[in-house]
């Protein structure tokens, strides 16, 4: 018997790599496009202007409202000051953002990708500049298809890329302003007195913005971004997504053809798509749900005197319900009213969205509670690990600890130190501290907007210690009236019996 071939001859002739088909999005007008312009202006305005906002935090403190202060190890955001040990607040924000994107996708499909994703926002801006300089879709296609460019063609290209680089440089410069004082950095840039580190990061973000928004564009959304790979898991039959109502548009035909649907196959929806997909093929990985095809199709329907909504934000369930309702009817444009009447109201509140809302509420509530109850002074006790303990000449066991007192205020405070949970006969002392309060507690002083360190030695006779290897002890900071300002629990270790 002949061995079967693994591939058919036609399959062997197919190339494994296909060149990129360049996309030339066409300008479109409509409510969706206007909404996208508003969102673009708001997002870019916030990104470029927030570093310039001021917030008075007192003498010696940075007055930039939003600042990642790497030198001090702080994150400032208006009245909030987050320390490195409070990184869980950043974790909460990341979780909140992720769940919010999941919830938005369950409700409205890839609305994040189509309206507020940084790649979409900057690509929209770059394409706007491109249209201003080179013209709309047809003009750009004619220029790129020329075998030889004229002087005016070269001037258009050079001007466009120069404008792109200027926007990218402003983007990279604004990014580093979140890590250093914006007015100071601007003055240093004018004086050419900027560190190579800042220039390196600004150059990196300039390059990535220029490449991703100017050259890669739809390749980022289709191949580089991981979100399209699992977006289908976020959708359900009640999720609103940009959809083509095939029950109304099919069969396609000319405007005057009898028995044809509303789609006249003008390809206006394809021409305006920034990723070059045909929405009539259904839900696709490359579709970012921007909705520009809705404006394009509604414009054609207006010209033809037909109802809008051939392409619209629609649920998967309503597509199936309308398809079933018009199935008995003969093909033609008369099925539009029947299909629209069969649609069900969109359910925004459903089990999945309630779960997302509850998760977000829990995260927000826990973060607000943590911020409300957190104390300006915190205590961290670190037991020495090398050695774990020291056996003294008299047979006693000594453990050594490092006390770290963090104070988020601008003024120092003197607090009393107390160690609780020690066995009978144990003693402890803090090195370098001579003052005591009336109860005999040593007095330690915090470091304003910093961390003060002290060494604590705890000694106990071995016969007074329990048989367990570790004895829990508590170190407390006491304020006026012996009120507990901060506390931390650690352990006192002994040799194995």
Protein backbone atom coordinates (compact mmCIF):
# COMPACT_ATOMS: atom_id res chain seq x y z
CA UNK A 1 0.00 0.00 0.00
CA UNK A 2 1.28 3.42 -0.90
CA UNK A 3 2.12 5.66 2.02
CA UNK A 4 -0.30 8.64 2.16
CA UNK A 5 1.16 12.08 1.76
CA UNK A 6 1.13 14.31 4.84
CA UNK A 7 0.18 17.35 2.79
CA UNK A 8 -1.78 17.77 -0.35
CA UNK A 9 0.12 19.33 -3.28
CA UNK A 10 -1.91 22.53 -2.98
CA UNK A 11 -1.00 22.83 0.73
CA UNK A 12 2.72 22.55 -0.03
CA UNK A 13 2.44 25.48 -2.43
CA UNK A 14 0.98 27.80 0.21
CA UNK A 15 3.49 30.24 1.76
CA UNK A 16 4.07 30.02 5.50
CA UNK A 17 4.47 33.79 5.77
CA UNK A 18 2.28 36.46 4.23
CA UNK A 19 3.33 40.06 3.84
CA UNK A 20 1.43 42.67 5.79
CA UNK A 21 -1.51 44.14 3.93
CA UNK A 22 -1.31 47.80 4.78
CA UNK A 23 -4.47 49.36 6.15
CA UNK A 24 -5.56 52.84 5.01
CA UNK A 25 -8.42 53.87 7.33
CA UNK A 26 -10.80 56.41 5.88
CA UNK A 27 -12.08 59.40 7.83
CA UNK A 28 -15.68 59.12 9.03
CA UNK A 29 -18.13 61.38 10.84
CA UNK A 30 -20.82 60.38 13.28
CA UNK A 31 -21.74 60.07 16.97
CA UNK A 32 -19.28 57.25 17.66
CA UNK A 33 -16.43 59.20 16.06
CA UNK A 34 -17.33 62.30 18.08
CA UNK A 35 -17.38 60.27 21.28
CA UNK A 36 -13.94 58.90 20.43
CA UNK A 37 -12.61 62.44 19.87
CA UNK A 38 -13.91 63.52 23.28
CA UNK A 39 -12.31 60.51 24.98
CA UNK A 40 -9.05 61.11 23.12
CA UNK A 41 -8.90 64.74 24.23
CA UNK A 42 -9.67 63.82 27.85
CA UNK A 43 -7.12 60.99 27.97
CA UNK A 44 -4.32 62.96 26.31
CA UNK A 45 -5.14 66.06 28.36
CA UNK A 46 -4.86 64.10 31.60
CA UNK A 47 -1.64 62.41 30.51
CA UNK A 48 0.15 65.61 29.48
CA UNK A 49 -1.23 67.99 32.14
CA UNK A 50 -1.31 65.95 35.37
CA UNK A 51 2.49 66.25 35.99
CA UNK A 52 2.08 70.04 36.06
CA UNK A 53 -0.58 70.06 38.78
CA UNK A 54 0.66 71.28 42.17
CA UNK A 55 -0.25 70.11 45.70
CA UNK A 56 1.15 71.77 48.83
CA UNK A 57 2.49 69.15 51.24
CA UNK A 58 4.46 71.47 53.49
CA UNK A 59 8.11 72.49 53.69
CA UNK A 60 10.67 70.02 52.40
CA UNK A 61 8.05 67.96 50.57
CA UNK A 62 7.53 67.76 46.79
CA UNK A 63 4.62 69.87 45.58
CA UNK A 64 3.84 67.85 42.44
CA UNK A 65 0.35 66.37 42.69
CA UNK A 66 1.22 63.03 41.02
CA UNK A 67 4.82 61.92 41.51
CA UNK A 68 6.69 58.63 41.75
CA UNK A 69 9.58 59.79 43.94
CA UNK A 70 12.27 57.15 43.49
CA UNK A 71 14.78 59.10 45.59
CA UNK A 72 12.56 59.06 48.69
CA UNK A 73 10.85 55.81 47.82
CA UNK A 74 7.38 57.35 47.81
CA UNK A 75 4.37 57.53 45.54
CA UNK A 76 2.54 60.85 45.90
CA UNK A 77 -0.97 61.33 44.53
CA UNK A 78 -2.59 64.54 45.73
CA UNK A 79 -3.28 63.99 49.47
CA UNK A 80 -2.10 60.35 49.44
CA UNK A 81 1.44 59.24 50.18
CA UNK A 82 2.21 55.57 49.57
CA UNK A 83 5.36 54.03 51.04
CA UNK A 84 7.20 50.97 49.67
CA UNK A 85 5.83 48.74 52.45
CA UNK A 86 2.32 49.77 51.38
CA UNK A 87 2.68 48.27 47.91
CA UNK A 88 -0.54 46.36 48.56
CA UNK A 89 -2.43 49.56 47.66
CA UNK A 90 -0.88 49.41 44.19
CA UNK A 91 -1.79 45.74 44.02
CA UNK A 92 -5.37 46.69 44.87
CA UNK A 93 -5.41 49.29 42.12
CA UNK A 94 -4.12 46.76 39.58
CA UNK A 95 -6.75 44.24 40.64
CA UNK A 96 -9.43 46.92 40.49
CA UNK A 97 -8.35 47.91 36.97
CA UNK A 98 -8.29 44.31 35.77
CA UNK A 99 -11.74 43.51 37.14
CA UNK A 100 -13.09 46.78 35.72
CA UNK A 101 -11.85 45.78 32.26
CA UNK A 102 -13.42 42.32 32.68
CA UNK A 103 -16.72 43.94 33.68
CA UNK A 104 -16.62 46.42 30.79
CA UNK A 105 -15.92 43.58 28.35
CA UNK A 106 -18.80 41.52 29.72
CA UNK A 107 -21.11 44.50 29.27
CA UNK A 108 -19.87 46.18 26.09
CA UNK A 109 -17.31 43.91 24.46
CA UNK A 110 -13.83 45.30 23.77
CA UNK A 111 -14.85 48.85 24.62
CA UNK A 112 -11.53 49.37 26.43
CA UNK A 113 -9.61 48.47 23.27
CA UNK A 114 -11.72 50.62 21.00
CA UNK A 115 -11.94 53.80 23.08
CA UNK A 116 -9.44 54.13 25.95
CA UNK A 117 -6.50 51.81 25.31
CA UNK A 118 -3.28 53.92 25.00
CA UNK A 119 -2.45 52.17 21.73
CA UNK A 120 -5.84 53.20 20.30
CA UNK A 121 -5.65 56.77 21.63
CA UNK A 122 -2.17 57.51 20.26
CA UNK A 123 -2.87 55.69 16.98
CA UNK A 124 -5.98 57.84 16.49
CA UNK A 125 -3.87 60.94 17.07
CA UNK A 126 -1.17 59.78 14.64
CA UNK A 127 -3.76 58.96 11.96
CA UNK A 128 -5.37 62.39 12.43
CA UNK A 129 -2.00 64.06 11.81
CA UNK A 130 -1.47 61.76 8.83
CA UNK A 131 -4.77 62.84 7.26
CA UNK A 132 -4.01 66.52 7.85
CA UNK A 133 -0.69 66.23 6.03
CA UNK A 134 -1.14 63.48 3.41
CA UNK A 135 -4.89 63.52 2.84
CA UNK A 136 -7.56 60.90 3.29
CA UNK A 137 -7.55 57.23 2.33
CA UNK A 138 -7.57 57.57 -1.46
CA UNK A 139 -4.88 60.25 -1.55
CA UNK A 140 -2.56 58.17 0.66
CA UNK A 141 -3.15 55.04 -1.40
CA UNK A 142 -2.40 56.83 -4.67
CA UNK A 143 0.80 58.28 -3.26
CA UNK A 144 2.06 54.97 -1.92
CA UNK A 145 1.26 53.17 -5.16
CA UNK A 146 3.39 55.54 -7.23
CA UNK A 147 6.54 54.05 -8.67
CA UNK A 148 8.35 57.32 -8.06
CA UNK A 149 7.58 60.06 -5.58
CA UNK A 150 7.62 63.71 -6.49
CA UNK A 151 9.18 66.45 -4.35
CA UNK A 152 5.79 67.26 -2.82
CA UNK A 153 5.25 63.58 -1.97
CA UNK A 154 8.62 63.43 -0.19
CA UNK A 155 7.83 66.66 1.64
CA UNK A 156 4.54 65.21 2.88
CA UNK A 157 6.25 62.08 4.16
CA UNK A 158 9.03 64.00 5.90
CA UNK A 159 6.56 66.42 7.49
CA UNK A 160 4.35 63.58 8.70
CA UNK A 161 7.18 61.67 10.34
CA UNK A 162 8.58 64.84 11.87
CA UNK A 163 5.17 65.53 13.42
CA UNK A 164 4.97 61.94 14.65
CA UNK A 165 8.40 62.22 16.26
CA UNK A 166 7.40 65.49 17.93
CA UNK A 167 4.29 63.84 19.43
CA UNK A 168 6.34 60.80 20.48
CA UNK A 169 8.98 63.04 22.10
CA UNK A 170 6.26 64.91 24.01
CA UNK A 171 4.89 61.53 25.12
CA UNK A 172 8.28 60.31 26.35
CA UNK A 173 9.02 63.64 28.03
CA UNK A 174 5.66 63.63 29.81
CA UNK A 175 6.26 60.08 31.04
CA UNK A 176 9.53 60.91 32.82
CA UNK A 177 7.83 63.95 34.38
CA UNK A 178 5.83 61.54 36.51
CA UNK A 179 9.16 60.50 38.11
CA UNK A 180 10.71 63.94 38.58
CA UNK A 181 9.50 67.48 39.11
CA UNK A 182 7.97 68.68 35.83
CA UNK A 183 8.97 72.40 35.93
CA UNK A 184 12.48 71.50 37.05
CA UNK A 185 12.84 68.95 34.27
CA UNK A 186 11.56 71.43 31.70
CA UNK A 187 14.15 74.00 32.81
CA UNK A 188 16.89 71.37 32.73
CA UNK A 189 15.88 70.34 29.22
CA UNK A 190 16.12 73.93 28.00
CA UNK A 191 19.52 74.25 29.67
CA UNK A 192 20.65 70.87 28.29
CA UNK A 193 21.37 69.74 31.84
CA UNK A 194 19.56 66.40 32.00
CA UNK A 195 20.96 63.10 33.23
CA UNK A 196 21.56 60.31 30.75
CA UNK A 197 19.13 58.10 32.69
CA UNK A 198 16.22 60.49 32.14
CA UNK A 199 17.20 60.97 28.50
CA UNK A 200 17.40 57.21 28.07
CA UNK A 201 13.91 56.58 29.44
CA UNK A 202 12.46 59.53 27.51
CA UNK A 203 14.10 58.23 24.35
CA UNK A 204 12.78 54.72 24.99
CA UNK A 205 9.18 55.92 25.29
CA UNK A 206 9.65 58.23 22.32
CA UNK A 207 10.80 55.30 20.19
CA UNK A 208 8.06 52.92 21.33
CA UNK A 209 5.33 55.53 20.78
CA UNK A 210 6.63 56.34 17.32
CA UNK A 211 6.93 52.69 16.28
CA UNK A 212 3.73 51.34 17.83
CA UNK A 213 1.39 54.21 16.93
CA UNK A 214 3.01 55.21 13.63
CA UNK A 215 4.18 51.95 12.08
CA UNK A 216 2.83 48.88 13.88
CA UNK A 217 -0.73 50.11 14.49
CA UNK A 218 -3.15 47.24 13.89
CA UNK A 219 -0.31 44.72 14.23
CA UNK A 220 -0.17 45.55 17.94
CA UNK A 221 -3.88 44.85 18.42
CA UNK A 222 -3.85 41.69 16.30
CA UNK A 223 -0.56 40.01 17.18
CA UNK A 224 1.17 41.71 20.13
CA UNK A 225 -1.68 42.30 22.57
CA UNK A 226 -2.75 39.23 24.61
CA UNK A 227 -6.26 40.53 25.33
CA UNK A 228 -7.90 39.36 22.04
CA UNK A 229 -6.81 35.80 22.81
CA UNK A 230 -9.11 35.41 25.79
CA UNK A 231 -11.73 38.10 25.23
CA UNK A 232 -14.25 35.47 24.16
CA UNK A 233 -14.23 34.07 27.70
CA UNK A 234 -15.47 37.47 28.96
CA UNK A 235 -18.48 37.57 26.61
CA UNK A 236 -21.91 36.03 27.07
CA UNK A 237 -25.18 36.18 25.09
CA UNK A 238 -26.07 39.52 26.75
CA UNK A 239 -22.76 41.27 25.97
CA UNK A 240 -23.06 44.27 23.69
CA UNK A 241 -20.54 44.24 20.86
CA UNK A 242 -20.24 45.86 17.45
CA UNK A 243 -22.18 43.45 15.23
CA UNK A 244 -23.48 43.14 11.69
CA UNK A 245 -27.18 42.20 11.58
CA UNK A 246 -26.92 39.63 8.84
CA UNK A 247 -30.62 38.78 9.16
CA UNK A 248 -31.30 42.26 7.82
CA UNK A 249 -28.39 42.78 5.43
CA UNK A 250 -28.35 39.46 3.60
CA UNK A 251 -28.50 38.65 0.78
CA UNK A 252 -26.33 41.54 -0.36
CA UNK A 253 -27.21 43.33 -3.56
CA UNK A 254 -27.61 46.62 -5.30
CA UNK A 255 -29.94 49.23 -3.89
CA UNK A 256 -32.60 48.54 -6.52
CA UNK A 257 -32.35 44.72 -6.54
CA UNK A 258 -35.57 42.98 -5.60
CA UNK A 259 -35.30 40.52 -2.73
CA UNK A 260 -31.93 41.89 -1.59
CA UNK A 261 -31.10 42.87 1.97
CA UNK A 262 -30.04 46.28 3.18
CA UNK A 263 -26.31 45.67 2.68
CA UNK A 264 -25.27 47.03 -0.73
CA UNK A 265 -21.69 45.74 -0.35
CA UNK A 266 -20.20 49.23 -0.51
CA UNK A 267 -17.35 48.21 1.86
CA UNK A 268 -17.60 51.52 3.71
CA UNK A 269 -17.41 49.59 7.00
CA UNK A 270 -14.15 47.95 5.88
CA UNK A 271 -12.61 51.19 4.60
CA UNK A 272 -12.97 53.01 7.93
CA UNK A 273 -11.80 50.11 10.12
CA UNK A 274 -8.42 50.90 11.75
CA UNK A 275 -7.52 47.20 11.76
CA UNK A 276 -8.89 46.40 8.29
CA UNK A 277 -11.42 43.74 9.31
CA UNK A 278 -14.79 43.11 7.72
CA UNK A 279 -17.36 43.27 10.49
CA UNK A 280 -19.77 41.33 8.31
CA UNK A 281 -17.68 38.20 8.93
CA UNK A 282 -18.74 38.21 12.59
CA UNK A 283 -16.79 38.53 15.85
CA UNK A 284 -13.07 38.51 15.10
CA UNK A 285 -9.86 38.71 17.10
CA UNK A 286 -8.65 41.78 15.19
CA UNK A 287 -11.84 43.79 15.81
CA UNK A 288 -11.23 46.32 18.60
CA UNK A 289 -14.91 47.30 18.92
CA UNK A 290 -14.22 50.95 18.05
CA UNK A 291 -17.61 51.35 16.35
CA UNK A 292 -16.41 53.47 13.42
CA UNK A 293 -18.07 51.00 11.05
CA UNK A 294 -21.38 51.96 12.68
CA UNK A 295 -20.95 55.61 11.63
CA UNK A 296 -19.89 54.59 8.12
CA UNK A 297 -22.83 52.22 7.62
CA UNK A 298 -25.37 54.64 9.11
CA UNK A 299 -24.17 57.29 6.66
CA UNK A 300 -24.84 54.94 3.74
CA UNK A 301 -28.25 53.99 5.11
CA UNK A 302 -29.14 57.70 5.36
CA UNK A 303 -28.25 58.21 1.72
CA UNK A 304 -30.34 55.21 0.71
CA UNK A 305 -33.29 56.27 2.86
CA UNK A 306 -33.20 53.12 4.99
CA UNK A 307 -33.24 52.69 8.77
CA UNK A 308 -29.93 52.97 10.59
CA UNK A 309 -28.56 50.13 12.64
CA UNK A 310 -27.48 47.58 10.05
CA UNK A 311 -24.22 47.61 12.05
CA UNK A 312 -24.73 48.46 15.70
CA UNK A 313 -23.87 47.56 19.28
CA UNK A 314 -25.92 44.38 19.62
CA UNK A 315 -25.96 41.30 21.85
CA UNK A 316 -25.20 37.83 20.59
CA UNK A 317 -28.53 36.66 21.97
CA UNK A 318 -30.51 39.28 20.07
CA UNK A 319 -28.74 38.38 16.83
CA UNK A 320 -29.92 34.79 17.23
CA UNK A 321 -33.47 35.81 18.27
CA UNK A 322 -33.90 38.16 15.31
CA UNK A 323 -32.46 35.56 12.92
CA UNK A 324 -35.01 33.02 14.12
CA UNK A 325 -37.85 35.54 13.83
CA UNK A 326 -37.16 36.44 10.19
CA UNK A 327 -36.22 32.92 9.05
CA UNK A 328 -39.75 32.08 7.80
CA UNK A 329 -39.89 35.31 5.78
CA UNK A 330 -38.59 35.54 2.21
CA UNK A 331 -35.30 37.43 1.66
CA UNK A 332 -35.72 41.15 1.34
CA UNK A 333 -35.73 44.42 3.14
CA UNK A 334 -39.14 43.91 4.70
CA UNK A 335 -37.65 41.72 7.43
CA UNK A 336 -36.14 44.73 9.25
CA UNK A 337 -39.23 45.61 11.31
CA UNK A 338 -39.89 41.97 12.26
CA UNK A 339 -36.33 41.41 13.42
CA UNK A 340 -36.23 44.60 15.49
CA UNK A 341 -39.54 43.77 17.21
CA UNK A 342 -38.24 40.32 18.17
CA UNK A 343 -35.25 41.75 20.06
CA UNK A 344 -35.14 41.44 23.84
CA UNK A 345 -34.16 44.29 26.18
CA UNK A 346 -30.48 44.33 27.02
CA UNK A 347 -29.78 42.95 30.51
CA UNK A 348 -26.97 44.97 32.03
CA UNK A 349 -27.59 43.60 35.54
CA UNK A 350 -27.01 39.86 35.49
CA UNK A 351 -25.09 37.37 37.70
CA UNK A 352 -21.73 37.99 36.04
CA UNK A 353 -21.91 41.77 36.33
CA UNK A 354 -23.09 41.50 39.93
CA UNK A 355 -20.03 39.38 40.74
CA UNK A 356 -17.73 41.91 39.09
CA UNK A 357 -19.45 44.78 40.90
CA UNK A 358 -19.19 42.99 44.25
CA UNK A 359 -15.49 42.26 43.70
CA UNK A 360 -14.74 45.88 42.81
CA UNK A 361 -16.77 47.16 45.76
CA UNK A 362 -14.89 44.83 48.11
CA UNK A 363 -11.51 46.02 46.83
CA UNK A 364 -12.49 49.70 47.01
CA UNK A 365 -13.96 49.29 50.49
CA UNK A 366 -10.89 47.47 51.80
CA UNK A 367 -8.55 50.10 50.36
CA UNK A 368 -10.59 52.99 51.79
CA UNK A 369 -10.74 51.25 55.16
CA UNK A 370 -7.00 50.68 55.13
CA UNK A 371 -6.32 54.32 54.29
CA UNK A 372 -8.75 55.50 56.97
CA UNK A 373 -7.30 53.44 59.81
CA UNK A 374 -3.61 53.51 58.93
CA UNK A 375 -1.40 55.27 61.43
CA UNK A 376 1.28 57.80 60.53
CA UNK A 377 3.76 55.84 62.65
CA UNK A 378 4.46 52.16 62.01
CA UNK A 379 6.83 49.69 63.61
CA UNK A 380 8.67 46.77 62.03
CA UNK A 381 10.70 44.32 64.11
CA UNK A 382 13.36 42.26 62.32
CA UNK A 383 15.02 39.48 64.27
CA UNK A 384 18.66 38.75 63.45
CA UNK A 385 19.03 35.54 61.48
CA UNK A 386 22.79 35.10 61.77
CA UNK A 387 23.09 34.02 64.49
CA UNK A 388 19.53 33.16 65.52
CA UNK A 389 20.50 33.45 69.20
CA UNK A 390 23.58 33.79 71.39
CA UNK A 391 24.31 31.67 74.51
CA UNK A 392 25.86 33.90 77.18
CA UNK A 393 28.48 32.89 79.75
CA UNK A 394 25.88 32.72 82.53
CA UNK A 395 23.73 30.33 80.50
CA UNK A 396 21.22 32.93 79.36
CA UNK A 397 19.93 33.20 75.77
CA UNK A 398 20.02 36.49 73.90
CA UNK A 399 18.16 37.46 70.72
CA UNK A 400 18.94 40.61 68.76
CA UNK A 401 16.39 42.66 66.81
CA UNK A 402 16.37 45.69 64.52
CA UNK A 403 13.51 48.11 65.12
CA UNK A 404 12.39 50.23 62.19
CA UNK A 405 10.16 53.20 63.05
CA UNK A 406 8.51 54.73 59.99
CA UNK A 407 7.00 58.19 60.34
CA UNK A 408 5.05 59.70 57.42
CA UNK A 409 4.80 63.15 59.00
CA UNK A 410 7.12 66.13 58.68
CA UNK A 411 7.72 66.51 62.46
CA UNK A 412 9.52 64.01 64.77
CA UNK A 413 7.79 62.44 67.77
CA UNK A 414 9.19 60.88 70.94
CA UNK A 415 7.51 57.60 71.92
CA UNK A 416 7.99 55.04 74.67
CA UNK A 417 9.01 51.47 73.84
CA UNK A 418 7.55 48.41 75.56
CA UNK A 419 8.28 44.69 75.14
CA UNK A 420 5.56 42.28 76.29
CA UNK A 421 5.33 38.50 76.49
CA UNK A 422 8.75 37.82 78.01
CA UNK A 423 9.18 35.01 80.58
CA UNK A 424 10.11 35.66 84.18
CA UNK A 425 13.66 36.80 84.66
CA UNK A 426 14.03 38.18 81.13
CA UNK A 427 15.56 41.58 80.44
CA UNK A 428 15.80 43.83 77.43
CA UNK A 429 17.53 47.05 76.41
CA UNK A 430 17.65 49.44 73.44
CA UNK A 431 21.14 50.52 72.44
CA UNK A 432 21.92 54.22 72.38
CA UNK A 433 18.81 55.25 74.33
CA UNK A 434 19.34 56.87 77.74
CA UNK A 435 16.03 58.64 78.42
CA UNK A 436 13.07 56.87 80.02
CA UNK A 437 9.52 57.84 80.89
CA UNK A 438 8.02 57.71 84.38
CA UNK A 439 7.23 54.03 83.95
CA UNK A 440 10.81 53.15 83.05
CA UNK A 441 10.18 52.66 79.33
CA UNK A 442 13.00 53.83 77.05
CA UNK A 443 12.13 56.79 74.82
CA UNK A 444 12.82 56.62 71.09
CA UNK A 445 12.40 59.38 68.52
CA UNK A 446 10.98 58.95 65.04
CA UNK A 447 12.58 60.34 61.92
CA UNK A 448 10.37 62.81 60.01
CA UNK A 449 9.30 61.40 56.64
CA UNK A 450 11.77 58.58 57.07
CA UNK A 451 12.75 55.46 58.94
CA UNK A 452 14.60 55.49 62.29
CA UNK A 453 16.45 52.32 63.28
CA UNK A 454 17.25 51.04 66.77
CA UNK A 455 18.84 47.87 68.09
CA UNK A 456 16.96 45.81 70.68
CA UNK A 457 18.61 43.08 72.79
CA UNK A 458 16.40 40.62 74.70
CA UNK A 459 17.97 38.19 77.22
CA UNK A 460 16.23 35.37 79.10
CA UNK A 461 17.43 32.48 81.31
CA UNK A 462 17.09 29.21 79.47
CA UNK A 463 15.28 27.45 82.36
CA UNK A 464 12.50 30.10 82.26
CA UNK A 465 11.76 29.54 78.59
CA UNK A 466 9.04 27.09 77.48
CA UNK A 467 9.98 23.88 75.72
CA UNK A 468 8.88 25.26 72.37
CA UNK A 469 11.67 26.69 70.24
CA UNK A 470 9.94 30.05 69.77
CA UNK A 471 8.27 32.31 72.33
CA UNK A 472 6.04 35.05 70.84
CA UNK A 473 6.79 38.56 72.10
CA UNK A 474 5.21 41.90 71.21
CA UNK A 475 7.00 45.22 70.81
CA UNK A 476 4.85 48.33 71.18
CA UNK A 477 5.26 52.06 70.69
CA UNK A 478 3.38 54.06 73.32
CA UNK A 479 2.25 57.66 73.06
CA UNK A 480 0.81 60.00 75.64
CA UNK A 481 -1.18 58.20 78.29
CA UNK A 482 0.49 54.95 77.23
CA UNK A 483 -1.82 54.74 74.21
CA UNK A 484 -0.56 52.16 71.73
CA UNK A 485 0.59 53.92 68.56
CA UNK A 486 2.07 50.89 66.79
CA UNK A 487 2.86 47.26 67.57
CA UNK A 488 4.63 44.32 65.99
CA UNK A 489 4.85 40.67 67.01
CA UNK A 490 7.99 38.58 66.67
CA UNK A 491 9.49 35.53 68.38
CA UNK A 492 12.25 34.81 70.88
CA UNK A 493 14.22 31.71 69.89
CA UNK A 494 16.02 29.25 72.14
CA UNK A 495 18.11 26.11 71.56
CA UNK A 496 16.26 22.86 71.09
CA UNK A 497 15.75 21.03 74.37
